[in-house]
Amino acid sequence: MTLGSTTPSPSVLSVAIIIVAAGSGTRLGATEPKAFVDVAGRTILERALRSALSIAEPAQIVVVAPAERLEQANTIVARAAGAASSSLTVVSGGDTRQQSVAAGLAVLGDGIEIVLVHDSARSLTPPTLIEAVIAGVRSSGNGVIPGLPVADTIKQVDWMGSVERTVDRAPLVAVQTPQGFPRAALVDAYKTASDDFTDDAALVAAAGLAVTVIDGDPLAFKITTPWDLARAESLVAASPAAPSWRTGVGIDVHSFDADAPLWLGGLHWPGEPGLAGHSDGDALAHAVCDSLLSAAGLGDIGATFGTDDPRFENAHGDVFLTATVELVRAAGFEIGNVSVQLVGNRPKVAPRRAEMEAHLSEVLGAPVSVSATTTDGLGFTGRGEGISAVATALVYKP
C-alpha cells in the first residue's frame, strides 16, 4: 500500500505534523535506522504516530523516512493510521535534518497554517503536549517549543577539561519536540537559511520570528542510547493505563435481487445475484458496522445511517465502514478485531476469503476474520432467498 496520493482537503485540515524519522541512530547501536527499532512490540515510529493520531484535532501527518525504508515506513503508517491513512504522507529524507524537514514542508496541503516538527525518537510524547504546542502557536502567532528546566548543575570547562565556572541554570531549559510554527514563517526561514541549525527553533529565530517555551513533559525524552531504549521499554511495560475492552454484536439480513450486482464484504462478485436494499445491500459490511457501533455504545446502523438519508442511497459497504470507524474513534475507542460469519448457500466464500479479509482489515485498520456456513436447507437462507451475516467486534479505550 502506497500512501500520500491524496492531498488532505484544505477546508478540513489546518495543522500539519512533520515526523522526522530519517536518522541512522548510530548511537543507539542498532542494526537498522532508529525509527524502525522495536520498543515493547511496536517500532519507535509507530509509537510516535499513534501519539500524533491521538490528538483531538485532525492533522496532516508527514513522515520523513530514509529513502531505502519507504516501503517499510508505508506499512507502519498504514497499520497505525488505519482509516485515517489518507491524511498521512511518507516522503524520502535528506542527508541532514534540515533537508529532511524541507522535504516534509514541500508536500503540505494548501490549507495548512500551523506546522509542528517532531522527532520520531521522542515516541512516548503525550498527545496533550502536542495539543499544547498547537494551541500556543494559534494563540500567539509565534514559534512555540516545549522545554524542561535543567536539573543538573552546569559547569563551564576549558579545552583541558578544567572547570572555569558554574553556570546559572535558572534561565536554562532542555528543549524537546514537537516544535510548532506558523507555516509561512517556517517556510520562509527554510528558504533563507544559510547555516545548519541544531533545531527548527534556532532556524526561525535566526530569521527573526519570536519563539516561546512552554512546559515540556518528561515522557517526551529522546531515545538516543541503549539506556534510553531500555527506559522506554520499562515505561511502556509499567504503564498503569490498561485498555478498557468492550464487545459488540451485529446482525444483518438481505434478500436476493437478481437484477442488482452483488457486493459483499466490500468486494464485487460478478455473475452472482445481488442483494436488495437502500444501499448496495452488503449484509456482511453492515453487520460489521453494527457490531462496532454496538461495542462503542453508539446505537445501530439504522439509527446512524438512516434510509431517509440520500447520501447513503446505493452506497457501497466501504462507505459505511469508513464512517463507522471515524465514529468509533471519535468516541475514544480503537478497534481490536472483528469476526464475521456469513450464513447462506451462495456465493462460495472460500475462494475469496483471504481477499475479503485483507480488504476489510485495510478499511478498518484492524484484523478481520471471515467465515461462512449454510443452514442445511433450513429457513430462508437454506431456500436460497437471501443471506445473513453475524459479526462480533472488540474495541478498547487506550
Protein backbone atom coordinates (compact mmCIF):
# COMPACT_ATOMS: atom_id res chain seq x y z
CA MET A 1 0.00 0.00 0.00
CA THR A 2 1.43 3.39 -1.01
CA LEU A 3 0.23 6.35 0.96
CA GLY A 4 0.36 10.02 0.17
CA SER A 5 -1.54 10.02 -3.13
CA THR A 6 -4.36 12.05 -1.61
CA THR A 7 -3.75 15.62 -0.52
CA PRO A 8 -5.89 16.41 2.54
CA SER A 9 -8.64 18.92 1.91
CA PRO A 10 -7.51 22.42 2.93
CA SER A 11 -11.02 23.13 4.16
CA VAL A 12 -10.65 20.35 6.73
CA LEU A 13 -7.04 20.44 7.89
CA SER A 14 -5.13 23.50 9.08
CA VAL A 15 -2.44 21.73 11.15
CA ALA A 16 0.39 19.52 9.93
CA ILE A 17 2.86 17.40 11.90
CA ILE A 18 6.13 16.51 10.22
CA ILE A 19 7.61 13.45 11.93
CA VAL A 20 11.31 13.17 11.16
CA ALA A 21 12.32 9.51 11.02
CA ALA A 22 15.28 9.61 8.65
CA GLY A 23 18.12 9.38 11.16
CA SER A 24 20.56 6.49 11.27
CA GLY A 25 20.55 6.09 15.06
CA THR A 26 24.24 5.23 15.24
CA ARG A 27 24.45 5.97 18.96
CA LEU A 28 21.62 3.50 19.65
CA GLY A 29 23.84 0.69 18.44
CA ALA A 30 21.03 -0.92 16.42
CA THR A 31 21.41 -2.71 13.10
CA GLU A 32 18.67 -0.61 11.47
CA PRO A 33 17.61 3.05 11.49
CA LYS A 34 16.37 4.25 14.86
CA ALA A 35 12.74 4.82 13.84
CA PHE A 36 12.40 1.14 12.92
CA VAL A 37 13.75 -0.23 16.18
CA ASP A 38 11.22 -2.11 18.31
CA VAL A 39 10.02 -0.80 21.68
CA ALA A 40 7.97 -3.45 23.51
CA GLY A 41 6.24 -4.77 20.41
CA ARG A 42 5.93 -1.60 18.32
CA THR A 43 8.51 0.38 16.41
CA ILE A 44 9.63 3.79 17.60
CA LEU A 45 7.95 5.30 14.52
CA GLU A 46 4.61 3.58 15.16
CA ARG A 47 4.55 4.79 18.76
CA ALA A 48 5.27 8.35 17.61
CA LEU A 49 2.50 8.08 15.01
CA ARG A 50 -0.06 6.76 17.48
CA SER A 51 0.66 9.70 19.78
CA ALA A 52 0.15 12.18 16.93
CA LEU A 53 -3.01 10.38 15.77
CA SER A 54 -4.48 10.61 19.28
CA ILE A 55 -4.83 14.39 19.34
CA ALA A 56 -8.36 15.76 19.18
CA GLU A 57 -7.82 17.95 16.10
CA PRO A 58 -7.34 16.18 12.76
CA ALA A 59 -3.98 16.96 11.18
CA GLN A 60 -1.99 16.18 8.08
CA ILE A 61 0.90 13.97 9.14
CA VAL A 62 4.05 13.71 7.04
CA VAL A 63 6.60 11.00 7.83
CA VAL A 64 10.11 11.67 6.54
CA ALA A 65 11.89 8.33 6.25
CA PRO A 66 15.16 7.04 4.77
CA ALA A 67 14.84 6.51 1.02
CA GLU A 68 15.65 2.81 1.35
CA ARG A 69 12.95 2.34 4.01
CA LEU A 70 9.92 3.92 2.32
CA GLU A 71 8.08 0.63 1.85
CA GLN A 72 8.55 -0.31 5.50
CA ALA A 73 7.52 3.18 6.59
CA ASN A 74 4.35 2.95 4.47
CA THR A 75 3.49 -0.36 6.12
CA ILE A 76 3.93 1.10 9.60
CA VAL A 77 1.86 4.16 8.70
CA ALA A 78 -0.98 2.03 7.31
CA ARG A 79 -1.02 -0.11 10.46
CA ALA A 80 -1.01 2.87 12.79
CA ALA A 81 -3.43 5.12 10.90
CA GLY A 82 -5.99 2.68 9.51
CA ALA A 83 -8.94 4.63 8.11
CA ALA A 84 -7.07 7.92 8.60
CA SER A 85 -4.34 6.91 6.14
CA SER A 86 -5.48 9.47 3.57
CA SER A 87 -4.25 12.21 5.91
CA LEU A 88 -0.74 10.75 6.06
CA THR A 89 2.13 11.03 3.60
CA VAL A 90 5.53 9.32 3.50
CA VAL A 91 8.47 11.07 1.80
CA SER A 92 12.22 10.49 1.49
CA GLY A 93 14.52 12.36 3.83
CA GLY A 94 17.79 14.13 3.00
CA ASP A 95 21.37 13.95 4.19
CA THR A 96 20.71 16.43 7.03
CA ARG A 97 17.82 17.07 9.37
CA GLN A 98 17.09 20.42 7.68
CA GLN A 99 16.92 18.73 4.28
CA SER A 100 14.51 16.15 5.71
CA VAL A 101 12.22 18.80 7.22
CA ALA A 102 12.30 20.72 3.93
CA ALA A 103 11.15 17.55 2.14
CA GLY A 104 8.21 17.38 4.54
CA LEU A 105 7.32 21.04 4.04
CA ALA A 106 7.21 20.50 0.27
CA VAL A 107 4.18 18.17 0.44
CA LEU A 108 1.92 20.10 2.83
CA GLY A 109 -1.67 20.74 1.81
CA ASP A 110 -2.67 24.24 0.70
CA GLY A 111 -4.80 24.91 3.77
CA ILE A 112 -2.11 24.17 6.37
CA GLU A 113 -1.47 27.16 8.63
CA ILE A 114 0.42 25.63 11.58
CA VAL A 115 3.31 23.19 11.25
CA LEU A 116 4.79 21.05 14.02
CA VAL A 117 8.17 19.38 13.54
CA HIS A 118 8.57 16.31 15.70
CA ASP A 119 11.35 13.75 16.20
CA SER A 120 10.09 10.18 15.95
CA ALA A 121 12.70 9.30 18.58
CA ARG A 122 10.53 11.14 21.14
CA SER A 123 7.98 8.40 20.62
CA LEU A 124 6.35 8.48 24.08
CA THR A 125 5.40 12.16 23.81
CA PRO A 126 1.88 12.57 25.27
CA PRO A 127 -0.82 13.83 22.86
CA THR A 128 -1.60 16.61 25.38
CA LEU A 129 1.84 18.13 24.77
CA ILE A 130 1.27 18.12 21.01
CA GLU A 131 -2.09 19.84 21.53
CA ALA A 132 -0.48 22.42 23.85
CA VAL A 133 2.06 23.36 21.17
CA ILE A 134 -0.69 23.76 18.56
CA ALA A 135 -2.74 25.94 20.92
CA GLY A 136 0.32 28.05 21.73
CA VAL A 137 1.11 28.77 18.08
CA ARG A 138 -2.51 29.51 17.30
CA SER A 139 -2.89 31.99 20.17
CA SER A 140 0.48 33.75 19.82
CA GLY A 141 1.33 33.59 16.14
CA ASN A 142 4.92 32.84 17.18
CA GLY A 143 7.07 29.76 17.41
CA VAL A 144 6.31 27.53 20.41
CA ILE A 145 8.60 24.82 21.77
CA PRO A 146 8.35 22.59 24.85
CA GLY A 147 11.17 22.55 27.36
CA LEU A 148 12.07 21.26 30.81
CA PRO A 149 14.10 23.09 33.49
CA VAL A 150 17.69 21.92 33.67
CA ALA A 151 18.02 19.88 36.87
CA ASP A 152 21.76 19.18 36.83
CA THR A 153 24.42 21.63 37.93
CA ILE A 154 26.12 23.03 34.82
CA LYS A 155 29.86 23.66 34.65
CA GLN A 156 31.77 25.55 32.00
CA VAL A 157 35.17 23.98 31.27
CA ASP A 158 38.19 24.91 29.19
CA TRP A 159 39.76 22.81 26.45
CA MET A 160 41.72 20.83 29.05
CA GLY A 161 38.57 19.91 30.98
CA SER A 162 39.30 22.22 33.90
CA VAL A 163 36.25 23.89 35.46
CA GLU A 164 36.16 27.61 34.76
CA ARG A 165 32.85 28.49 36.38
CA THR A 166 29.44 27.22 37.48
CA VAL A 167 26.72 28.34 35.07
CA ASP A 168 23.46 29.69 36.46
CA ARG A 169 20.92 27.05 35.42
CA ALA A 170 17.84 29.09 36.37
CA PRO A 171 17.29 30.56 32.88
CA LEU A 172 18.19 27.31 31.07
CA VAL A 173 15.76 24.76 29.61
CA ALA A 174 16.27 21.45 27.85
CA VAL A 175 14.31 21.72 24.61
CA GLN A 176 12.03 18.97 23.26
CA THR A 177 9.76 18.40 20.28
CA PRO A 178 7.27 18.90 18.73
CA GLN A 179 8.25 22.45 17.86
CA GLY A 180 5.43 24.47 16.32
CA PHE A 181 5.41 27.46 13.99
CA PRO A 182 3.18 29.42 11.65
CA ARG A 183 3.64 27.73 8.30
CA ALA A 184 4.57 30.87 6.36
CA ALA A 185 7.28 31.84 8.83
CA LEU A 186 8.78 28.33 8.87
CA VAL A 187 8.79 28.03 5.08
CA ASP A 188 10.40 31.48 4.68
CA ALA A 189 13.05 30.60 7.28
CA TYR A 190 13.96 27.45 5.39
CA LYS A 191 14.19 29.33 2.10
CA THR A 192 16.66 31.85 3.53
CA ALA A 193 18.66 29.51 5.81
CA SER A 194 22.40 29.59 5.07
CA ASP A 195 23.63 27.68 8.15
CA ASP A 196 22.85 24.26 9.60
CA PHE A 197 20.98 24.68 12.88
CA THR A 198 20.53 22.12 15.64
CA ASP A 199 16.75 22.58 15.75
CA ASP A 200 13.98 24.41 13.92
CA ALA A 201 13.51 26.93 16.72
CA ALA A 202 17.06 28.19 16.19
CA LEU A 203 16.47 28.42 12.45
CA VAL A 204 13.28 30.51 12.70
CA ALA A 205 14.74 32.65 15.50
CA ALA A 206 17.67 33.48 13.22
CA ALA A 207 15.08 34.58 10.63
CA GLY A 208 13.50 36.96 13.16
CA LEU A 209 10.48 35.02 14.48
CA ALA A 210 9.89 35.10 18.23
CA VAL A 211 9.94 31.71 19.95
CA THR A 212 8.24 30.92 23.26
CA VAL A 213 8.97 27.98 25.56
CA ILE A 214 6.07 26.14 27.22
CA ASP A 215 6.23 23.38 29.82
CA GLY A 216 7.53 20.16 28.34
CA ASP A 217 6.91 16.63 29.56
CA PRO A 218 9.41 14.08 30.95
CA LEU A 219 7.86 11.41 28.70
CA ALA A 220 8.97 13.37 25.63
CA PHE A 221 12.58 12.30 26.12
CA LYS A 222 14.61 11.35 23.08
CA ILE A 223 15.58 7.72 22.54
CA THR A 224 19.24 8.09 21.61
CA THR A 225 21.23 5.45 23.50
CA PRO A 226 20.61 1.82 24.52
CA TRP A 227 19.90 3.13 28.03
CA ASP A 228 17.14 5.38 26.63
CA LEU A 229 15.67 2.42 24.77
CA ALA A 230 15.63 0.32 27.93
CA ARG A 231 13.97 3.20 29.77
CA ALA A 232 11.27 3.48 27.11
CA GLU A 233 10.59 -0.26 27.23
CA SER A 234 10.32 -0.14 31.01
CA LEU A 235 7.89 2.76 30.91
CA VAL A 236 5.67 1.05 28.34
CA ALA A 237 5.69 -2.21 30.29
CA ALA A 238 4.91 -0.45 33.57
CA SER A 239 2.14 1.78 32.20
CA PRO A 240 -0.86 1.60 34.55
CA ALA A 241 -3.28 2.68 31.85
CA ALA A 242 -4.70 -0.71 30.90
CA PRO A 243 -7.10 -0.68 27.93
CA SER A 244 -10.81 -0.82 28.60
CA TRP A 245 -12.22 -3.57 26.36
CA ARG A 246 -15.80 -3.81 25.07
CA THR A 247 -17.57 -6.20 22.70
CA GLY A 248 -20.47 -5.75 20.34
CA VAL A 249 -22.64 -7.98 18.11
CA GLY A 250 -24.17 -7.06 14.76
CA ILE A 251 -26.61 -8.97 12.55
CA ASP A 252 -27.87 -8.07 9.07
CA VAL A 253 -30.19 -9.85 6.63
CA HIS A 254 -30.88 -9.11 2.95
CA SER A 255 -32.90 -10.94 0.32
CA PHE A 256 -31.51 -11.62 -3.15
CA ASP A 257 -32.27 -9.27 -6.05
CA ALA A 258 -31.36 -10.88 -9.37
CA ASP A 259 -31.35 -7.50 -11.12
CA ALA A 260 -28.68 -6.00 -8.84
CA PRO A 261 -24.91 -6.62 -8.74
CA LEU A 262 -23.61 -8.45 -5.69
CA TRP A 263 -21.39 -6.50 -3.30
CA LEU A 264 -20.31 -8.45 -0.27
CA GLY A 265 -17.54 -7.70 2.20
CA GLY A 266 -16.67 -4.65 0.15
CA LEU A 267 -15.96 -6.80 -2.93
CA HIS A 268 -17.84 -7.11 -6.21
CA TRP A 269 -18.96 -10.66 -7.11
CA PRO A 270 -19.57 -10.84 -10.87
CA GLY A 271 -22.15 -13.34 -12.04
CA GLU A 272 -23.86 -13.60 -8.66
CA PRO A 273 -27.35 -12.24 -7.85
CA GLY A 274 -27.21 -9.05 -5.80
CA LEU A 275 -28.90 -8.13 -2.55
CA ALA A 276 -31.90 -5.86 -2.14
CA GLY A 277 -31.56 -2.74 -0.04
CA HIS A 278 -31.43 1.05 0.14
CA SER A 279 -27.66 0.85 -0.32
CA ASP A 280 -25.80 -1.94 -2.11
CA GLY A 281 -27.21 -4.48 0.36
CA ASP A 282 -23.78 -5.58 1.62
CA ALA A 283 -25.07 -7.58 4.59
CA LEU A 284 -21.57 -8.57 5.73
CA ALA A 285 -20.26 -4.97 5.83
CA HIS A 286 -23.45 -3.79 7.54
CA ALA A 287 -23.19 -6.48 10.23
CA VAL A 288 -19.60 -5.38 10.90
CA CYS A 289 -20.77 -1.76 11.25
CA ASP A 290 -23.49 -2.79 13.68
CA SER A 291 -21.06 -4.77 15.81
CA LEU A 292 -18.64 -1.82 16.04
CA LEU A 293 -21.37 0.69 16.83
CA SER A 294 -22.77 -1.66 19.47
CA ALA A 295 -19.37 -2.18 21.09
CA ALA A 296 -18.74 1.58 21.28
CA GLY A 297 -22.23 2.29 22.63
CA LEU A 298 -23.21 4.29 19.53
CA GLY A 299 -26.52 2.66 18.65
CA ASP A 300 -27.02 0.76 15.41
CA ILE A 301 -26.58 1.25 11.69
CA GLY A 302 -30.24 2.03 11.09
CA ALA A 303 -30.27 4.93 13.51
CA THR A 304 -26.83 6.19 12.46
CA PHE A 305 -27.18 5.88 8.67
CA GLY A 306 -30.92 6.02 8.09
CA THR A 307 -32.61 5.06 4.82
CA ASP A 308 -34.03 8.58 4.63
CA ASP A 309 -30.51 10.00 4.16
CA PRO A 310 -29.87 10.42 0.40
CA ARG A 311 -26.08 10.31 0.97
CA PHE A 312 -26.28 6.57 1.53
CA GLU A 313 -28.58 5.58 -1.31
CA ASN A 314 -26.79 2.89 -3.36
CA ALA A 315 -23.65 3.48 -1.24
CA HIS A 316 -21.13 0.66 -1.06
CA GLY A 317 -20.29 -1.08 2.20
CA ASP A 318 -16.89 0.67 2.39
CA VAL A 319 -18.68 4.00 2.82
CA PHE A 320 -20.46 2.73 5.92
CA LEU A 321 -17.36 1.00 7.28
CA THR A 322 -15.19 4.12 6.92
CA ALA A 323 -17.82 6.34 8.54
CA THR A 324 -18.26 3.82 11.37
CA VAL A 325 -14.52 3.73 12.07
CA GLU A 326 -14.50 7.53 12.32
CA LEU A 327 -17.41 7.46 14.78
CA VAL A 328 -15.80 4.75 16.91
CA ARG A 329 -12.51 6.63 17.10
CA ALA A 330 -14.27 9.92 17.79
CA ALA A 331 -15.83 8.18 20.80
CA GLY A 332 -12.34 7.43 22.08
CA PHE A 333 -12.11 3.77 21.04
CA GLU A 334 -9.67 1.78 18.92
CA ILE A 335 -10.66 -1.41 17.12
CA GLY A 336 -9.11 -4.62 18.41
CA ASN A 337 -10.51 -7.06 15.88
CA VAL A 338 -13.72 -8.14 14.15
CA SER A 339 -15.00 -11.63 13.36
CA VAL A 340 -17.90 -12.08 10.94
CA GLN A 341 -19.75 -15.16 9.68
CA LEU A 342 -21.84 -15.29 6.52
CA VAL A 343 -24.88 -17.57 6.52
CA GLY A 344 -26.21 -18.65 3.12
CA ASN A 345 -25.92 -21.03 0.15
CA ARG A 346 -24.10 -18.55 -2.10
CA PRO A 347 -21.71 -17.09 -3.03
CA LYS A 348 -18.89 -19.51 -2.25
CA VAL A 349 -16.73 -17.53 0.12
CA ALA A 350 -13.69 -19.81 0.42
CA PRO A 351 -12.01 -18.85 -2.90
CA ARG A 352 -12.06 -15.14 -1.96
CA ARG A 353 -11.87 -15.33 1.85
CA ALA A 354 -8.26 -14.08 2.05
CA GLU A 355 -9.02 -11.23 -0.36
CA MET A 356 -12.08 -10.22 1.64
CA GLU A 357 -10.23 -10.36 4.98
CA ALA A 358 -7.37 -8.27 3.60
CA HIS A 359 -9.75 -5.66 2.19
CA LEU A 360 -11.84 -5.34 5.35
CA SER A 361 -8.74 -5.26 7.56
CA GLU A 362 -7.32 -2.40 5.50
CA VAL A 363 -10.55 -0.38 5.69
CA LEU A 364 -10.94 -0.89 9.45
CA GLY A 365 -7.25 -0.66 10.32
CA ALA A 366 -7.65 -3.81 12.41
CA PRO A 367 -7.70 -7.59 11.86
CA VAL A 368 -10.92 -9.02 10.38
CA SER A 369 -11.64 -12.72 10.07
CA VAL A 370 -14.41 -14.07 7.81
CA SER A 371 -16.13 -17.46 7.89
CA ALA A 372 -19.19 -18.89 6.15
CA THR A 373 -21.75 -21.61 6.76
CA THR A 374 -25.08 -22.93 5.45
CA THR A 375 -28.23 -24.00 7.26
CA ASP A 376 -28.64 -27.42 5.60
CA GLY A 377 -31.63 -26.27 3.60
CA LEU A 378 -33.49 -24.83 6.58
CA GLY A 379 -35.05 -21.36 6.68
CA PHE A 380 -34.91 -18.54 4.13
CA THR A 381 -31.14 -18.88 3.71
CA GLY A 382 -31.50 -22.63 3.14
CA ARG A 383 -34.15 -21.97 0.50
CA GLY A 384 -31.78 -19.57 -1.27
CA GLU A 385 -33.95 -16.50 -0.68
CA GLY A 386 -31.17 -14.38 0.82
CA ILE A 387 -28.23 -14.28 3.18
CA SER A 388 -27.50 -13.13 6.71
CA ALA A 389 -24.32 -12.14 8.50
CA VAL A 390 -23.35 -12.13 12.17
CA ALA A 391 -20.39 -10.08 13.37
CA THR A 392 -18.60 -9.69 16.70
CA ALA A 393 -16.33 -6.70 17.37
CA LEU A 394 -13.81 -6.00 20.07
CA VAL A 395 -12.95 -2.33 20.79
CA TYR A 396 -10.91 -0.71 23.52
CA LYS A 397 -10.09 2.62 25.03
CA PRO A 398 -6.31 3.01 25.20
